[in-house]
Amino acid sequence: MTTDYVDYKDDPALRLRKIADAGFSHVHWCQEWCTDHIYDRDRIDAIGKYLEENELELLDLHAPHGRGLGWGATGGSQRENAIRCIRNRILMTGLLGGGAVVIHLPARPPEPVDLPGWRKALRSSLDELLPYCRQNAVRIALENMPDDDFEEIERLLESYEPDFLGICYDSGHGNIGRDGLSNLQRNKDRLIAVHFHDNEGSRDSHSIPFTGTVDWKRLASIIASSSYGGCVSLESNMRGMDVDEDEYLRDAFGAGVRLARMIRRAGE
């Protein structure tokens, strides 16, 4: 379960207890995902104790993304700041036993003339991160975005080995615009992380699975035949909803169990 199901800036101590009580075994760490916050070693150790006390494991972690954090920037301090934050999350993920850091691909520049420089900056950033990932036994997972044609993701996958770079498939993003499931099918052997949530196909609402229009049967079949070997990881949230928190988590856990069964049966 994602840790930011209520808020991405609050103290996770109480949230982890509630996540564990609902039945979840793993978390996707999504705190501070759109800030340039840096976790120091004491804070990382404290989070490790929270996880241990609640018998939870870190599955993967969401790297910071947003204004001033463009790892595809071609000038200024943006790329340097982004690399600093991603390196911090790689270290944190490795120390806490997670397997991947999920990052958003920065938006393509609107002018074709700017594409070569942008693509060069992306590769420069990944080249800098590669030895640090291997040192910490952590991979980078490129997340698909709404209406994503996977062109830039596939360009990068061709340039780097699977032991460093893979895909995080976001089911909500894949349900908006282009046929995300066809893109996933084409690249399923590079799948290393998942963000499962639902929507109605027009807004990234991060709803609980089976409450929107995602084709879960087709998705389960693709996941079952993919390279992904982790658990069902939910990135749904209750922000803006008038619902009891414990009830929400119970419903989310139930949806996760249902999806896990679908994936298992699809692989039989």
C-alpha atoms as a PDB file:
ATOM      1  CA  MET A   1       0.000   0.000   0.000  1.00  0.00           C
ATOM      2  CA  THR A   2       1.245   3.485  -0.754  1.00  0.00           C
ATOM      3  CA  THR A   3       2.144   5.511   2.334  1.00  0.00           C
ATOM      4  CA  ASP A   4       0.558   8.728   1.009  1.00  0.00           C
ATOM      5  CA  TYR A   5      -3.017   7.456   0.865  1.00  0.00           C
ATOM      6  CA  VAL A   6      -3.986  10.411   3.090  1.00  0.00           C
ATOM      7  CA  ASP A   7      -1.136  12.916   2.660  1.00  0.00           C
ATOM      8  CA  TYR A   8       2.390  12.856   1.244  1.00  0.00           C
ATOM      9  CA  LYS A   9       3.837  15.192   3.889  1.00  0.00           C
ATOM     10  CA  ASP A  10       2.537  13.858   7.201  1.00  0.00           C
ATOM     11  CA  ASP A  11       4.419  11.692   9.696  1.00  0.00           C
ATOM     12  CA  PRO A  12       4.055   8.088   8.508  1.00  0.00           C
ATOM     13  CA  ALA A  13       4.279   6.454  11.951  1.00  0.00           C
ATOM     14  CA  LEU A  14       0.508   6.281  12.500  1.00  0.00           C
ATOM     15  CA  ARG A  15      -0.157   5.455   8.839  1.00  0.00           C
ATOM     16  CA  LEU A  16       2.171   2.463   8.907  1.00  0.00           C
ATOM     17  CA  ARG A  17       0.340   1.025  11.899  1.00  0.00           C
ATOM     18  CA  LYS A  18      -2.996   1.405  10.117  1.00  0.00           C
ATOM     19  CA  ILE A  19      -1.634  -0.098   6.902  1.00  0.00           C
ATOM     20  CA  ALA A  20      -0.372  -3.122   8.834  1.00  0.00           C
ATOM     21  CA  ASP A  21      -3.622  -3.492  10.774  1.00  0.00           C
ATOM     22  CA  ALA A  22      -5.537  -3.603   7.483  1.00  0.00           C
ATOM     23  CA  GLY A  23      -3.512  -6.658   6.457  1.00  0.00           C
ATOM     24  CA  PHE A  24      -0.886  -5.230   4.096  1.00  0.00           C
ATOM     25  CA  SER A  25       2.625  -6.686   4.154  1.00  0.00           C
ATOM     26  CA  HIS A  26       4.533  -4.143   2.018  1.00  0.00           C
ATOM     27  CA  VAL A  27       4.534  -0.400   1.410  1.00  0.00           C
ATOM     28  CA  HIS A  28       5.359   1.847  -1.489  1.00  0.00           C
ATOM     29  CA  TRP A  29       7.088   4.841   0.132  1.00  0.00           C
ATOM     30  CA  CYS A  30       5.534   7.955  -1.411  1.00  0.00           C
ATOM     31  CA  GLN A  31       6.173  10.615   1.241  1.00  0.00           C
ATOM     32  CA  GLU A  32       7.747  13.883   0.042  1.00  0.00           C
ATOM     33  CA  TRP A  33       7.416  12.680  -3.548  1.00  0.00           C
ATOM     34  CA  CYS A  34       6.982  16.187  -4.986  1.00  0.00           C
ATOM     35  CA  THR A  35       9.401  18.099  -2.761  1.00  0.00           C
ATOM     36  CA  ASP A  36      13.187  18.334  -2.645  1.00  0.00           C
ATOM     37  CA  HIS A  37      13.318  16.944   0.901  1.00  0.00           C
ATOM     38  CA  ILE A  38      16.490  15.019   1.773  1.00  0.00           C
ATOM     39  CA  TYR A  39      16.300  12.170   4.290  1.00  0.00           C
ATOM     40  CA  ASP A  40      19.297  12.037   6.624  1.00  0.00           C
ATOM     41  CA  ARG A  41      20.620   8.752   7.992  1.00  0.00           C
ATOM     42  CA  ASP A  42      18.943   9.174  11.396  1.00  0.00           C
ATOM     43  CA  ARG A  43      15.553   9.643   9.745  1.00  0.00           C
ATOM     44  CA  ILE A  44      16.070   6.658   7.463  1.00  0.00           C
ATOM     45  CA  ASP A  45      16.991   4.511  10.460  1.00  0.00           C
ATOM     46  CA  ALA A  46      13.874   5.708  12.307  1.00  0.00           C
ATOM     47  CA  ILE A  47      11.675   4.787   9.340  1.00  0.00           C
ATOM     48  CA  GLY A  48      13.343   1.382   9.264  1.00  0.00           C
ATOM     49  CA  LYS A  49      12.350   0.885  12.905  1.00  0.00           C
ATOM     50  CA  TYR A  50       8.752   1.940  12.135  1.00  0.00           C
ATOM     51  CA  LEU A  51       8.621  -0.670   9.387  1.00  0.00           C
ATOM     52  CA  GLU A  52      10.113  -3.366  11.577  1.00  0.00           C
ATOM     53  CA  GLU A  53       7.792  -2.597  14.512  1.00  0.00           C
ATOM     54  CA  ASN A  54       4.790  -2.919  12.212  1.00  0.00           C
ATOM     55  CA  GLU A  55       6.115  -6.026  10.434  1.00  0.00           C
ATOM     56  CA  LEU A  56       6.077  -4.218   7.100  1.00  0.00           C
ATOM     57  CA  GLU A  57       8.592  -4.383   4.255  1.00  0.00           C
ATOM     58  CA  LEU A  58       9.555  -1.662   1.834  1.00  0.00           C
ATOM     59  CA  LEU A  59       8.690  -2.765  -1.692  1.00  0.00           C
ATOM     60  CA  ASP A  60       9.858   0.333  -3.563  1.00  0.00           C
ATOM     61  CA  LEU A  61       9.971   4.114  -3.287  1.00  0.00           C
ATOM     62  CA  HIS A  62       8.800   7.096  -5.333  1.00  0.00           C
ATOM     63  CA  ALA A  63      11.526   9.608  -6.175  1.00  0.00           C
ATOM     64  CA  PRO A  64      10.778  13.352  -5.987  1.00  0.00           C
ATOM     65  CA  HIS A  65       9.313  14.989  -9.062  1.00  0.00           C
ATOM     66  CA  GLY A  66       8.094  18.494  -9.794  1.00  0.00           C
ATOM     67  CA  ARG A  67       9.169  22.068 -10.329  1.00  0.00           C
ATOM     68  CA  GLY A  68      12.911  22.480  -9.999  1.00  0.00           C
ATOM     69  CA  LEU A  69      13.499  18.721 -10.134  1.00  0.00           C
ATOM     70  CA  GLY A  70      13.848  18.069 -13.853  1.00  0.00           C
ATOM     71  CA  TRP A  71      16.461  15.361 -14.376  1.00  0.00           C
ATOM     72  CA  GLY A  72      16.125  16.069 -18.100  1.00  0.00           C
ATOM     73  CA  ALA A  73      16.904  19.774 -17.731  1.00  0.00           C
ATOM     74  CA  THR A  74      19.619  21.059 -20.063  1.00  0.00           C
ATOM     75  CA  GLY A  75      20.687  24.090 -18.050  1.00  0.00           C
ATOM     76  CA  GLY A  76      20.719  25.673 -14.613  1.00  0.00           C
ATOM     77  CA  SER A  77      20.606  23.777 -11.320  1.00  0.00           C
ATOM     78  CA  GLN A  78      17.494  21.664 -11.998  1.00  0.00           C
ATOM     79  CA  ARG A  79      19.238  18.492 -13.110  1.00  0.00           C
ATOM     80  CA  GLU A  80      21.812  18.738 -10.343  1.00  0.00           C
ATOM     81  CA  ASN A  81      19.077  19.121  -7.730  1.00  0.00           C
ATOM     82  CA  ALA A  82      17.082  16.249  -9.210  1.00  0.00           C
ATOM     83  CA  ILE A  83      20.105  13.927  -9.201  1.00  0.00           C
ATOM     84  CA  ARG A  84      20.844  14.868  -5.577  1.00  0.00           C
ATOM     85  CA  CYS A  85      17.290  13.923  -4.543  1.00  0.00           C
ATOM     86  CA  ILE A  86      17.192  10.705  -6.555  1.00  0.00           C
ATOM     87  CA  ARG A  87      20.551   9.613  -5.147  1.00  0.00           C
ATOM     88  CA  ASN A  88      19.170  10.205  -1.658  1.00  0.00           C
ATOM     89  CA  ARG A  89      16.168   7.997  -2.419  1.00  0.00           C
ATOM     90  CA  ILE A  90      18.375   5.282  -3.926  1.00  0.00           C
ATOM     91  CA  LEU A  91      20.401   5.198  -0.720  1.00  0.00           C
ATOM     92  CA  MET A  92      17.231   5.166   1.390  1.00  0.00           C
ATOM     93  CA  THR A  93      15.699   2.357  -0.665  1.00  0.00           C
ATOM     94  CA  GLY A  94      18.836   0.254  -0.408  1.00  0.00           C
ATOM     95  CA  LEU A  95      19.176   0.764   3.347  1.00  0.00           C
ATOM     96  CA  LEU A  96      15.523  -0.170   3.910  1.00  0.00           C
ATOM     97  CA  GLY A  97      15.619  -3.258   1.709  1.00  0.00           C
ATOM     98  CA  GLY A  98      13.528  -2.030  -1.221  1.00  0.00           C
ATOM     99  CA  GLY A  99      14.192  -3.063  -4.787  1.00  0.00           C
ATOM    100  CA  ALA A 100      13.415  -0.044  -6.969  1.00  0.00           C
ATOM    101  CA  VAL A 101      13.112   3.722  -7.097  1.00  0.00           C
ATOM    102  CA  VAL A 102      10.240   4.901  -9.306  1.00  0.00           C
ATOM    103  CA  ILE A 103      10.813   8.092 -11.283  1.00  0.00           C
ATOM    104  CA  HIS A 104       8.659  10.133 -13.651  1.00  0.00           C
ATOM    105  CA  LEU A 105      10.075  10.847 -17.065  1.00  0.00           C
ATOM    106  CA  PRO A 106      10.147  14.652 -17.473  1.00  0.00           C
ATOM    107  CA  ALA A 107       7.765  15.986 -20.121  1.00  0.00           C
ATOM    108  CA  ARG A 108       9.159  16.156 -23.630  1.00  0.00           C
ATOM    109  CA  PRO A 109      10.057  19.697 -24.725  1.00  0.00           C
ATOM    110  CA  PRO A 110       7.369  21.181 -27.001  1.00  0.00           C
ATOM    111  CA  GLU A 111       9.845  22.200 -29.703  1.00  0.00           C
ATOM    112  CA  PRO A 112      11.440  19.399 -31.774  1.00  0.00           C
ATOM    113  CA  VAL A 113      14.698  21.345 -31.927  1.00  0.00           C
ATOM    114  CA  ASP A 114      15.064  20.880 -28.145  1.00  0.00           C
ATOM    115  CA  LEU A 115      14.622  17.089 -28.203  1.00  0.00           C
ATOM    116  CA  PRO A 116      18.282  16.082 -28.789  1.00  0.00           C
ATOM    117  CA  GLY A 117      19.550  18.138 -25.848  1.00  0.00           C
ATOM    118  CA  TRP A 118      16.769  16.845 -23.605  1.00  0.00           C
ATOM    119  CA  ARG A 119      17.460  13.230 -24.519  1.00  0.00           C
ATOM    120  CA  LYS A 120      21.176  13.757 -23.943  1.00  0.00           C
ATOM    121  CA  ALA A 121      20.420  15.182 -20.475  1.00  0.00           C
ATOM    122  CA  LEU A 122      18.254  12.156 -19.623  1.00  0.00           C
ATOM    123  CA  ARG A 123      21.062   9.779 -20.506  1.00  0.00           C
ATOM    124  CA  SER A 124      23.623  11.870 -18.645  1.00  0.00           C
ATOM    125  CA  SER A 125      21.447  11.667 -15.539  1.00  0.00           C
ATOM    126  CA  LEU A 126      20.983   7.916 -15.839  1.00  0.00           C
ATOM    127  CA  ASP A 127      24.710   7.453 -16.465  1.00  0.00           C
ATOM    128  CA  GLU A 128      25.384   9.273 -13.192  1.00  0.00           C
ATOM    129  CA  LEU A 129      22.831   7.184 -11.296  1.00  0.00           C
ATOM    130  CA  LEU A 130      23.831   3.786 -12.691  1.00  0.00           C
ATOM    131  CA  PRO A 131      26.910   3.086 -10.507  1.00  0.00           C
ATOM    132  CA  TYR A 132      25.104   4.392  -7.431  1.00  0.00           C
ATOM    133  CA  CYS A 133      22.163   2.052  -8.111  1.00  0.00           C
ATOM    134  CA  ARG A 134      24.446  -0.935  -8.474  1.00  0.00           C
ATOM    135  CA  GLN A 135      26.324   0.006  -5.320  1.00  0.00           C
ATOM    136  CA  ASN A 136      23.027  -0.037  -3.381  1.00  0.00           C
ATOM    137  CA  ALA A 137      21.392  -2.991  -5.232  1.00  0.00           C
ATOM    138  CA  VAL A 138      18.503  -0.799  -6.387  1.00  0.00           C
ATOM    139  CA  ARG A 139      16.982  -0.424  -9.860  1.00  0.00           C
ATOM    140  CA  ILE A 140      15.339   2.564 -11.538  1.00  0.00           C
ATOM    141  CA  ALA A 141      11.732   2.114 -12.717  1.00  0.00           C
ATOM    142  CA  LEU A 142      10.440   4.585 -15.321  1.00  0.00           C
ATOM    143  CA  GLU A 143       6.746   5.284 -14.719  1.00  0.00           C
ATOM    144  CA  ASN A 144       4.321   5.692 -17.614  1.00  0.00           C
ATOM    145  CA  MET A 145       2.285   8.894 -17.583  1.00  0.00           C
ATOM    146  CA  PRO A 146      -1.274   9.642 -18.830  1.00  0.00           C
ATOM    147  CA  ASP A 147      -1.571   9.412 -22.637  1.00  0.00           C
ATOM    148  CA  ASP A 148       1.951   7.976 -22.757  1.00  0.00           C
ATOM    149  CA  ASP A 149       3.057   6.456 -26.072  1.00  0.00           C
ATOM    150  CA  PHE A 150       6.100   4.838 -24.380  1.00  0.00           C
ATOM    151  CA  GLU A 151       8.387   6.201 -27.127  1.00  0.00           C
ATOM    152  CA  GLU A 152      10.834   7.837 -24.749  1.00  0.00           C
ATOM    153  CA  ILE A 153      10.626   5.007 -22.222  1.00  0.00           C
ATOM    154  CA  GLU A 154      11.475   2.484 -24.925  1.00  0.00           C
ATOM    155  CA  ARG A 155      14.377   4.615 -26.179  1.00  0.00           C
ATOM    156  CA  LEU A 156      15.917   4.504 -22.724  1.00  0.00           C
ATOM    157  CA  LEU A 157      15.210   0.810 -22.184  1.00  0.00           C
ATOM    158  CA  GLU A 158      17.147   0.067 -25.361  1.00  0.00           C
ATOM    159  CA  SER A 159      20.164   1.931 -23.969  1.00  0.00           C
ATOM    160  CA  TYR A 160      20.398   0.301 -20.523  1.00  0.00           C
ATOM    161  CA  GLU A 161      20.415  -3.215 -19.120  1.00  0.00           C
ATOM    162  CA  PRO A 162      17.454  -4.696 -17.192  1.00  0.00           C
ATOM    163  CA  ASP A 163      19.548  -4.984 -14.039  1.00  0.00           C
ATOM    164  CA  PHE A 164      19.534  -1.181 -13.886  1.00  0.00           C
ATOM    165  CA  LEU A 165      16.489   0.168 -15.735  1.00  0.00           C
ATOM    166  CA  GLY A 166      12.920  -1.085 -16.041  1.00  0.00           C
ATOM    167  CA  ILE A 167       9.295   0.037 -16.038  1.00  0.00           C
ATOM    168  CA  CYS A 168       6.803   0.923 -13.346  1.00  0.00           C
ATOM    169  CA  TYR A 169       3.359   0.431 -14.877  1.00  0.00           C
ATOM    170  CA  ASP A 170       0.779   2.811 -13.460  1.00  0.00           C
ATOM    171  CA  SER A 171      -2.658   1.378 -14.241  1.00  0.00           C
ATOM    172  CA  GLY A 172      -4.446   4.685 -13.681  1.00  0.00           C
ATOM    173  CA  HIS A 173      -2.143   6.570 -16.037  1.00  0.00           C
ATOM    174  CA  GLY A 174      -2.404   3.764 -18.571  1.00  0.00           C
ATOM    175  CA  ASN A 175      -6.199   4.099 -18.540  1.00  0.00           C
ATOM    176  CA  ILE A 176      -6.092   7.740 -19.672  1.00  0.00           C
ATOM    177  CA  GLY A 177      -5.605   8.521 -23.353  1.00  0.00           C
ATOM    178  CA  ARG A 178      -3.628   5.931 -25.307  1.00  0.00           C
ATOM    179  CA  ASP A 179      -3.970   2.183 -24.775  1.00  0.00           C
ATOM    180  CA  GLY A 180      -1.547   1.729 -21.908  1.00  0.00           C
ATOM    181  CA  LEU A 181      -2.100  -2.014 -21.749  1.00  0.00           C
ATOM    182  CA  SER A 182      -0.837  -2.517 -25.295  1.00  0.00           C
ATOM    183  CA  ASN A 183       2.278  -0.536 -24.397  1.00  0.00           C
ATOM    184  CA  LEU A 184       2.743  -2.695 -21.306  1.00  0.00           C
ATOM    185  CA  GLN A 185       2.241  -5.893 -23.283  1.00  0.00           C
ATOM    186  CA  ARG A 186       5.008  -4.836 -25.629  1.00  0.00           C
ATOM    187  CA  ASN A 187       7.416  -4.131 -22.757  1.00  0.00           C
ATOM    188  CA  LYS A 188       6.271  -6.605 -20.116  1.00  0.00           C
ATOM    189  CA  ASP A 189       9.694  -8.234 -19.876  1.00  0.00           C
ATOM    190  CA  ARG A 190      11.050  -4.984 -18.389  1.00  0.00           C
ATOM    191  CA  LEU A 191       8.346  -4.588 -15.715  1.00  0.00           C
ATOM    192  CA  ILE A 192       9.865  -4.216 -12.225  1.00  0.00           C
ATOM    193  CA  ALA A 193       7.269  -2.149 -10.315  1.00  0.00           C
ATOM    194  CA  VAL A 194       3.522  -1.487 -10.385  1.00  0.00           C
ATOM    195  CA  HIS A 195       1.129   1.224  -9.244  1.00  0.00           C
ATOM    196  CA  PHE A 196      -2.374  -0.239  -9.180  1.00  0.00           C
ATOM    197  CA  HIS A 197      -5.336   2.144  -8.965  1.00  0.00           C
ATOM    198  CA  ASP A 198      -8.441   2.915 -10.992  1.00  0.00           C
ATOM    199  CA  ASN A 199     -10.292   5.786 -12.681  1.00  0.00           C
ATOM    200  CA  GLU A 200     -13.001   6.483 -15.250  1.00  0.00           C
ATOM    201  CA  GLY A 201     -10.550   7.133 -18.078  1.00  0.00           C
ATOM    202  CA  SER A 202     -10.545  10.928 -17.970  1.00  0.00           C
ATOM    203  CA  ARG A 203      -9.058  11.961 -14.604  1.00  0.00           C
ATOM    204  CA  ASP A 204      -6.208  10.530 -12.529  1.00  0.00           C
ATOM    205  CA  SER A 205      -8.412   9.952  -9.485  1.00  0.00           C
ATOM    206  CA  HIS A 206      -6.313   7.185  -7.855  1.00  0.00           C
ATOM    207  CA  SER A 207      -9.400   5.170  -6.961  1.00  0.00           C
ATOM    208  CA  ILE A 208      -9.419   1.680  -5.473  1.00  0.00           C
ATOM    209  CA  PRO A 209      -9.190  -1.078  -8.118  1.00  0.00           C
ATOM    210  CA  PHE A 210     -12.498  -2.365  -9.545  1.00  0.00           C
ATOM    211  CA  THR A 211     -14.270   0.969  -9.018  1.00  0.00           C
ATOM    212  CA  GLY A 212     -13.494   2.455 -12.457  1.00  0.00           C
ATOM    213  CA  THR A 213     -12.913   1.351 -16.046  1.00  0.00           C
ATOM    214  CA  VAL A 214      -9.443  -0.245 -15.976  1.00  0.00           C
ATOM    215  CA  ASP A 215      -9.559  -3.633 -17.722  1.00  0.00           C
ATOM    216  CA  TRP A 216      -8.317  -5.612 -14.735  1.00  0.00           C
ATOM    217  CA  LYS A 217      -8.791  -9.016 -16.382  1.00  0.00           C
ATOM    218  CA  ARG A 218      -6.524  -8.067 -19.276  1.00  0.00           C
ATOM    219  CA  LEU A 219      -4.045  -6.362 -16.960  1.00  0.00           C
ATOM    220  CA  ALA A 220      -3.901  -9.396 -14.667  1.00  0.00           C
ATOM    221  CA  SER A 221      -3.108 -11.611 -17.635  1.00  0.00           C
ATOM    222  CA  ILE A 222      -0.245  -9.351 -18.742  1.00  0.00           C
ATOM    223  CA  ILE A 223       1.172  -9.099 -15.231  1.00  0.00           C
ATOM    224  CA  ALA A 224       1.051 -12.879 -14.843  1.00  0.00           C
ATOM    225  CA  SER A 225       3.232 -13.343 -17.940  1.00  0.00           C
ATOM    226  CA  SER A 226       5.568 -10.423 -17.219  1.00  0.00           C
ATOM    227  CA  SER A 227       8.931 -10.088 -15.509  1.00  0.00           C
ATOM    228  CA  TYR A 228       7.308  -8.597 -12.407  1.00  0.00           C
ATOM    229  CA  GLY A 229       7.696 -10.821  -9.375  1.00  0.00           C
ATOM    230  CA  GLY A 230       6.543  -8.560  -6.561  1.00  0.00           C
ATOM    231  CA  CYS A 231       3.275  -8.239  -4.709  1.00  0.00           C
ATOM    232  CA  VAL A 232       0.175  -6.249  -5.651  1.00  0.00           C
ATOM    233  CA  SER A 233       1.100  -2.642  -4.884  1.00  0.00           C
ATOM    234  CA  LEU A 234      -1.742  -0.144  -4.552  1.00  0.00           C
ATOM    235  CA  GLU A 235      -1.331   3.579  -5.207  1.00  0.00           C
ATOM    236  CA  SER A 236      -4.929   4.526  -4.505  1.00  0.00           C
ATOM    237  CA  ASN A 237      -5.698   7.325  -2.060  1.00  0.00           C
ATOM    238  CA  MET A 238      -8.651   8.707  -0.133  1.00  0.00           C
ATOM    239  CA  ARG A 239      -7.884  12.404  -0.539  1.00  0.00           C
ATOM    240  CA  GLY A 240     -11.073  14.398  -1.063  1.00  0.00           C
ATOM    241  CA  MET A 241     -13.279  11.512   0.044  1.00  0.00           C
ATOM    242  CA  ASP A 242     -15.646  11.547   3.001  1.00  0.00           C
ATOM    243  CA  VAL A 243     -14.793   8.077   4.272  1.00  0.00           C
ATOM    244  CA  ASP A 244     -13.494   6.469   7.447  1.00  0.00           C
ATOM    245  CA  GLU A 245      -9.757   5.805   7.153  1.00  0.00           C
ATOM    246  CA  ASP A 246      -9.849   2.270   8.561  1.00  0.00           C
ATOM    247  CA  GLU A 247     -12.794   1.369   6.344  1.00  0.00           C
ATOM    248  CA  TYR A 248     -10.972   2.750   3.321  1.00  0.00           C
ATOM    249  CA  LEU A 249      -7.913   0.620   4.042  1.00  0.00           C
ATOM    250  CA  ARG A 250     -10.043  -2.485   4.515  1.00  0.00           C
ATOM    251  CA  ASP A 251     -11.694  -1.886   1.138  1.00  0.00           C
ATOM    252  CA  ALA A 252      -8.316  -1.290  -0.497  1.00  0.00           C
ATOM    253  CA  PHE A 253      -6.883  -4.466   1.002  1.00  0.00           C
ATOM    254  CA  GLY A 254      -9.879  -6.457  -0.208  1.00  0.00           C
ATOM    255  CA  ALA A 255      -9.397  -5.128  -3.734  1.00  0.00           C
ATOM    256  CA  GLY A 256      -5.713  -6.010  -3.555  1.00  0.00           C
ATOM    257  CA  VAL A 257      -6.490  -9.569  -2.504  1.00  0.00           C
ATOM    258  CA  ARG A 258      -8.982  -9.901  -5.353  1.00  0.00           C
ATOM    259  CA  LEU A 259      -6.442  -8.633  -7.883  1.00  0.00           C
ATOM    260  CA  ALA A 260      -3.716 -10.914  -6.536  1.00  0.00           C
ATOM    261  CA  ARG A 261      -6.032 -13.896  -7.036  1.00  0.00           C
ATOM    262  CA  MET A 262      -6.781 -12.803 -10.618  1.00  0.00           C
ATOM    263  CA  ILE A 263      -3.063 -12.559 -11.408  1.00  0.00           C
ATOM    264  CA  ARG A 264      -2.342 -15.930  -9.827  1.00  0.00           C
ATOM    265  CA  ARG A 265      -5.158 -17.630 -11.761  1.00  0.00           C
ATOM    266  CA  ALA A 266      -4.080 -15.972 -15.019  1.00  0.00           C
ATOM    267  CA  GLY A 267      -0.669 -17.527 -14.570  1.00  0.00           C
ATOM    268  CA  GLU A 268      -1.912 -21.054 -13.962  1.00  0.00           C
END
